[in-house]
Each structure stands twice: as structure tokens, then as C-alpha cells.
C-alpha atoms as a PDB file:
ATOM      1  CA  MET A   1       0.000   0.000   0.000  1.00  0.00           C
ATOM      2  CA  THR A   2       1.344   3.428  -0.945  1.00  0.00           C
ATOM      3  CA  ILE A   3       2.114   5.835   1.870  1.00  0.00           C
ATOM      4  CA  GLN A   4      -0.352   8.705   2.225  1.00  0.00           C
ATOM      5  CA  VAL A   5      -0.377  12.201   3.667  1.00  0.00           C
ATOM      6  CA  GLY A   6      -0.801  11.823   7.431  1.00  0.00           C
ATOM      7  CA  ASP A   7       1.047   8.488   7.607  1.00  0.00           C
ATOM      8  CA  HIS A   8       4.183   7.941   9.685  1.00  0.00           C
ATOM      9  CA  LEU A   9       7.255   6.837   7.788  1.00  0.00           C
ATOM     10  CA  PRO A  10       8.148   3.195   8.436  1.00  0.00           C
ATOM     11  CA  GLN A  11      11.285   2.291  10.347  1.00  0.00           C
ATOM     12  CA  VAL A  12      14.150   1.281   8.073  1.00  0.00           C
ATOM     13  CA  THR A  13      17.889   1.725   8.072  1.00  0.00           C
ATOM     14  CA  PHE A  14      19.621   3.864   5.470  1.00  0.00           C
ATOM     15  CA  ARG A  15      23.344   4.104   4.793  1.00  0.00           C
ATOM     16  CA  VAL A  16      24.937   7.547   4.857  1.00  0.00           C
ATOM     17  CA  ASN A  17      28.424   8.892   4.454  1.00  0.00           C
ATOM     18  CA  GLY A  18      30.046   9.326   7.857  1.00  0.00           C
ATOM     19  CA  THR A  19      33.406  10.756   8.823  1.00  0.00           C
ATOM     20  CA  ASP A  20      34.858   7.230   8.968  1.00  0.00           C
ATOM     21  CA  GLY A  21      32.965   5.833   5.975  1.00  0.00           C
ATOM     22  CA  PRO A  22      29.469   4.401   5.618  1.00  0.00           C
ATOM     23  CA  GLN A  23      27.269   4.425   8.689  1.00  0.00           C
ATOM     24  CA  ALA A  24      23.719   3.362   9.450  1.00  0.00           C
ATOM     25  CA  LYS A  25      20.929   5.840  10.167  1.00  0.00           C
ATOM     26  CA  THR A  26      17.388   4.851  11.001  1.00  0.00           C
ATOM     27  CA  THR A  27      14.261   6.640   9.923  1.00  0.00           C
ATOM     28  CA  ASP A  28      14.090   8.175  13.407  1.00  0.00           C
ATOM     29  CA  ASP A  29      17.701   9.380  13.154  1.00  0.00           C
ATOM     30  CA  VAL A  30      16.842  11.285   9.988  1.00  0.00           C
ATOM     31  CA  PHE A  31      13.296  12.512  10.615  1.00  0.00           C
ATOM     32  CA  LYS A  32      12.488  12.585  14.334  1.00  0.00           C
ATOM     33  CA  GLY A  33      12.011  16.145  15.558  1.00  0.00           C
ATOM     34  CA  ARG A  34      12.850  17.583  12.146  1.00  0.00           C
ATOM     35  CA  ARG A  35      11.022  19.014   9.157  1.00  0.00           C
ATOM     36  CA  VAL A  36      12.595  17.359   6.111  1.00  0.00           C
ATOM     37  CA  VAL A  37      12.015  17.496   2.369  1.00  0.00           C
ATOM     38  CA  LEU A  38      12.566  13.935   1.140  1.00  0.00           C
ATOM     39  CA  VAL A  39      13.184  13.396  -2.556  1.00  0.00           C
ATOM     40  CA  GLY A  40      13.035   9.899  -4.000  1.00  0.00           C
ATOM     41  CA  VAL A  41      14.744   9.216  -7.316  1.00  0.00           C
ATOM     42  CA  PRO A  42      15.091   6.059  -9.423  1.00  0.00           C
ATOM     43  CA  GLY A  43      18.876   6.302  -9.537  1.00  0.00           C
ATOM     44  CA  ALA A  44      21.930   8.479  -9.231  1.00  0.00           C
ATOM     45  CA  PHE A  45      23.343   9.663 -12.562  1.00  0.00           C
ATOM     46  CA  THR A  46      20.269   8.511 -14.499  1.00  0.00           C
ATOM     47  CA  PRO A  47      19.291  11.173 -17.055  1.00  0.00           C
ATOM     48  CA  ALA A  48      16.116  12.639 -15.520  1.00  0.00           C
ATOM     49  CA  CYS A  49      17.501  12.431 -11.984  1.00  0.00           C
ATOM     50  CA  HIS A  50      20.861  13.942 -12.870  1.00  0.00           C
ATOM     51  CA  LYS A  51      19.788  16.630 -15.347  1.00  0.00           C
ATOM     52  CA  ASN A  52      16.223  17.516 -14.331  1.00  0.00           C
ATOM     53  CA  HIS A  53      15.385  16.540 -10.766  1.00  0.00           C
ATOM     54  CA  LEU A  54      18.349  17.007  -8.416  1.00  0.00           C
ATOM     55  CA  PRO A  55      19.536  20.335  -9.907  1.00  0.00           C
ATOM     56  CA  GLY A  56      16.327  22.078  -8.826  1.00  0.00           C
ATOM     57  CA  PHE A  57      16.865  21.085  -5.210  1.00  0.00           C
ATOM     58  CA  VAL A  58      20.484  22.211  -5.340  1.00  0.00           C
ATOM     59  CA  ALA A  59      19.518  25.574  -6.873  1.00  0.00           C
ATOM     60  CA  ASN A  60      16.582  26.124  -4.488  1.00  0.00           C
ATOM     61  CA  LYS A  61      18.247  24.782  -1.331  1.00  0.00           C
ATOM     62  CA  ASP A  62      18.390  28.128   0.478  1.00  0.00           C
ATOM     63  CA  GLU A  63      14.794  29.035  -0.352  1.00  0.00           C
ATOM     64  CA  ILE A  64      13.515  25.627   0.800  1.00  0.00           C
ATOM     65  CA  LEU A  65      15.513  25.775   4.027  1.00  0.00           C
ATOM     66  CA  GLY A  66      14.315  29.346   4.540  1.00  0.00           C
ATOM     67  CA  ARG A  67      10.753  28.058   4.821  1.00  0.00           C
ATOM     68  CA  GLY A  68      11.305  26.276   8.098  1.00  0.00           C
ATOM     69  CA  VAL A  69      12.715  23.097   6.602  1.00  0.00           C
ATOM     70  CA  ASP A  70      15.622  21.590   8.548  1.00  0.00           C
ATOM     71  CA  ALA A  71      17.063  19.433   5.767  1.00  0.00           C
ATOM     72  CA  ILE A  72      16.710  18.241   2.203  1.00  0.00           C
ATOM     73  CA  ALA A  73      17.351  14.510   1.857  1.00  0.00           C
ATOM     74  CA  ILE A  74      17.729  12.539  -1.364  1.00  0.00           C
ATOM     75  CA  THR A  75      17.138   8.799  -1.391  1.00  0.00           C
ATOM     76  CA  ALA A  76      17.822   6.299  -4.142  1.00  0.00           C
ATOM     77  CA  VAL A  77      18.229   2.571  -4.532  1.00  0.00           C
ATOM     78  CA  ASN A  78      21.984   2.917  -4.908  1.00  0.00           C
ATOM     79  CA  ASP A  79      24.848   2.217  -2.543  1.00  0.00           C
ATOM     80  CA  ILE A  80      26.302   5.063  -0.503  1.00  0.00           C
ATOM     81  CA  PHE A  81      29.485   5.142  -2.605  1.00  0.00           C
ATOM     82  CA  VAL A  82      27.500   5.922  -5.762  1.00  0.00           C
ATOM     83  CA  LEU A  83      25.451   8.531  -3.903  1.00  0.00           C
ATOM     84  CA  ASN A  84      28.631  10.156  -2.557  1.00  0.00           C
ATOM     85  CA  ALA A  85      30.052  10.371  -6.086  1.00  0.00           C
ATOM     86  CA  TRP A  86      26.753  11.836  -7.324  1.00  0.00           C
ATOM     87  CA  GLN A  87      26.720  14.420  -4.540  1.00  0.00           C
ATOM     88  CA  GLU A  88      30.256  15.491  -5.424  1.00  0.00           C
ATOM     89  CA  ALA A  89      29.591  15.539  -9.183  1.00  0.00           C
ATOM     90  CA  THR A  90      26.520  17.752  -8.779  1.00  0.00           C
ATOM     91  CA  GLY A  91      27.812  20.140  -6.117  1.00  0.00           C
ATOM     92  CA  ALA A  92      24.965  19.087  -3.841  1.00  0.00           C
ATOM     93  CA  GLN A  93      26.784  19.872  -0.599  1.00  0.00           C
ATOM     94  CA  GLY A  94      24.400  20.582   2.231  1.00  0.00           C
ATOM     95  CA  LEU A  95      21.877  17.985   1.055  1.00  0.00           C
ATOM     96  CA  GLU A  96      21.677  14.647   2.839  1.00  0.00           C
ATOM     97  CA  PHE A  97      21.993  11.511   0.713  1.00  0.00           C
ATOM     98  CA  LEU A  98      20.307   8.360   2.031  1.00  0.00           C
ATOM     99  CA  ALA A  99      21.276   5.085   0.399  1.00  0.00           C
ATOM    100  CA  ASP A 100      18.407   2.589   0.158  1.00  0.00           C
ATOM    101  CA  GLY A 101      20.586  -0.054  -1.484  1.00  0.00           C
ATOM    102  CA  ASN A 102      18.151  -2.946  -1.085  1.00  0.00           C
ATOM    103  CA  ALA A 103      15.016  -0.871  -1.799  1.00  0.00           C
ATOM    104  CA  GLU A 104      13.761  -1.574   1.732  1.00  0.00           C
ATOM    105  CA  PHE A 105      12.469   1.984   2.214  1.00  0.00           C
ATOM    106  CA  ALA A 106      10.965   2.214  -1.293  1.00  0.00           C
ATOM    107  CA  LYS A 107       9.116  -1.057  -0.706  1.00  0.00           C
ATOM    108  CA  ALA A 108       8.036  -0.128   2.833  1.00  0.00           C
ATOM    109  CA  ILE A 109       6.362   3.065   1.593  1.00  0.00           C
ATOM    110  CA  GLY A 110       4.848   1.333  -1.438  1.00  0.00           C
ATOM    111  CA  LEU A 111       6.820   3.406  -3.934  1.00  0.00           C
ATOM    112  CA  GLU A 112       9.082   0.768  -5.450  1.00  0.00           C
ATOM    113  CA  LEU A 113       9.571   0.683  -9.203  1.00  0.00           C
ATOM    114  CA  ASP A 114      10.333  -2.426 -11.221  1.00  0.00           C
ATOM    115  CA  GLY A 115      13.175  -1.343 -13.490  1.00  0.00           C
ATOM    116  CA  SER A 116      14.175  -4.885 -14.445  1.00  0.00           C
ATOM    117  CA  GLY A 117      13.020  -4.327 -18.025  1.00  0.00           C
ATOM    118  CA  PHE A 118      15.835  -1.793 -18.330  1.00  0.00           C
ATOM    119  CA  GLY A 119      18.379  -3.838 -16.359  1.00  0.00           C
ATOM    120  CA  LEU A 120      17.917  -1.681 -13.256  1.00  0.00           C
ATOM    121  CA  GLY A 121      16.205  -4.122 -10.875  1.00  0.00           C
ATOM    122  CA  SER A 122      14.136  -2.687  -8.034  1.00  0.00           C
ATOM    123  CA  ARG A 123      14.223   1.089  -7.819  1.00  0.00           C
ATOM    124  CA  SER A 124      12.268   3.906  -6.223  1.00  0.00           C
ATOM    125  CA  GLN A 125       9.534   5.833  -7.938  1.00  0.00           C
ATOM    126  CA  ARG A 126      10.196   9.544  -8.332  1.00  0.00           C
ATOM    127  CA  TYR A 127       8.590  11.675  -5.638  1.00  0.00           C
ATOM    128  CA  ALA A 128       9.058  14.572  -3.261  1.00  0.00           C
ATOM    129  CA  MET A 129       7.503  14.799   0.168  1.00  0.00           C
ATOM    130  CA  LEU A 130       7.540  17.081   3.162  1.00  0.00           C
ATOM    131  CA  VAL A 131       7.961  15.104   6.371  1.00  0.00           C
ATOM    132  CA  ASP A 132       7.351  16.713   9.765  1.00  0.00           C
ATOM    133  CA  ASP A 133       8.628  14.695  12.735  1.00  0.00           C
ATOM    134  CA  GLY A 134       8.258  11.474  10.740  1.00  0.00           C
ATOM    135  CA  VAL A 135       4.751  12.255   9.430  1.00  0.00           C
ATOM    136  CA  VAL A 136       4.119  12.846   5.730  1.00  0.00           C
ATOM    137  CA  ARG A 137       2.550  16.306   5.242  1.00  0.00           C
ATOM    138  CA  VAL A 138       2.947  16.720   1.455  1.00  0.00           C
ATOM    139  CA  LEU A 139       3.406  13.941  -1.093  1.00  0.00           C
ATOM    140  CA  ASN A 140       4.007  14.558  -4.805  1.00  0.00           C
ATOM    141  CA  ILE A 141       4.479  11.383  -6.869  1.00  0.00           C
ATOM    142  CA  GLU A 142       5.342  11.381 -10.559  1.00  0.00           C
ATOM    143  CA  ASP A 143       3.240   9.232 -12.868  1.00  0.00           C
ATOM    144  CA  SER A 144       6.314   8.439 -14.994  1.00  0.00           C
ATOM    145  CA  PRO A 145       9.914   7.863 -13.872  1.00  0.00           C
ATOM    146  CA  SER A 146      11.189   9.998 -16.758  1.00  0.00           C
ATOM    147  CA  LYS A 147       9.313  13.090 -15.539  1.00  0.00           C
ATOM    148  CA  ALA A 148      10.404  15.490 -12.809  1.00  0.00           C
ATOM    149  CA  GLU A 149       7.470  17.894 -12.734  1.00  0.00           C
ATOM    150  CA  VAL A 150       5.106  17.423  -9.768  1.00  0.00           C
ATOM    151  CA  SER A 151       8.064  16.273  -7.669  1.00  0.00           C
ATOM    152  CA  SER A 152      10.298  19.197  -8.648  1.00  0.00           C
ATOM    153  CA  ALA A 153      11.697  21.695  -6.171  1.00  0.00           C
ATOM    154  CA  GLU A 154       9.664  24.404  -7.845  1.00  0.00           C
ATOM    155  CA  ALA A 155       6.401  22.451  -7.423  1.00  0.00           C
ATOM    156  CA  LEU A 156       7.209  21.688  -3.795  1.00  0.00           C
ATOM    157  CA  LEU A 157       7.974  25.336  -3.062  1.00  0.00           C
ATOM    158  CA  LYS A 158       4.409  26.204  -4.094  1.00  0.00           C
ATOM    159  CA  VAL A 159       2.991  24.136  -1.220  1.00  0.00           C
ATOM    160  CA  ILE A 160       5.431  24.583   1.667  1.00  0.00           C
END
């Protein structure tokens, strides 16, 4: 079942880049007591994610954070090493990258995408949500993984 506005995020463990390498962070570690914009993408360096989706959040970071948002987090079904390389390649410093390498989070929120027809395996659908203390307050899901319209930073700024 797909997560809905008003639902609590499920408990999973992400991998993040720590000072001594990869470290685990739970859903509570990331979202408890914080107002977070969470952006789900099918994959780092994929064309729509790399050229259309992430750049808007990088460019609008200060405006989003200026609206009472504590953090912008990007999650993808990639390992943390790929996400670190993507963060560096895009100049996305100041955004948090959450590796969902086994698609556990994407599946738990009902937003997994079967990319096996393209050799990609399980992935995440493309979405953007506003999460307040672990509760979904805004949820914008794309109807196609190649689009980054309703889940764009610009669309999210209209509702936060």
C-alpha cells in the first residue's frame, strides 16, 4: 500500500556517508524532531535524476531551508558510494543523501519501481515529500519515472 499524507514513515535503516565511511541511520535518526524534504529518485546519474530533478533542489536549497525546513534529503536505490560520487559531481553539498541499497524503504512506503526491463532491478519511484517529525505532510508522486514535474523543487515550493 502506498504511503499517504498523514502516515508515519516506516522504520528502516539507510546508509549515509560518515566521517569514517558508511554508517547506518534509522528513519528516526533522519526525521524525528525535524522538518525534512525527502526526494526519492530512481537512480543516481540517471538522465532525468541527474539533469532535471536534483539540480532544482540544489539551486533552491536556500529558499527551501528558509521556509522552516531543517534538511533536504535525497534517497535512491543505490549504494552510498554511488550517492557520494553523485553528490560530489553535482555540487549538492548541504543535502543529505540516504542510500536505500536494497530498496527496503521504497518497498516499505509502497513506492518501489520495477526497473528490471531496463536492467535496473528494483528502484524507487520519483517523488518529493515534506515530512514533519516522521509524518508525511505533502506527497508529490510522478506518474512516470522519466518526468520530474510534480516532484520538482519548484512544485514543492508552491505548497510549503
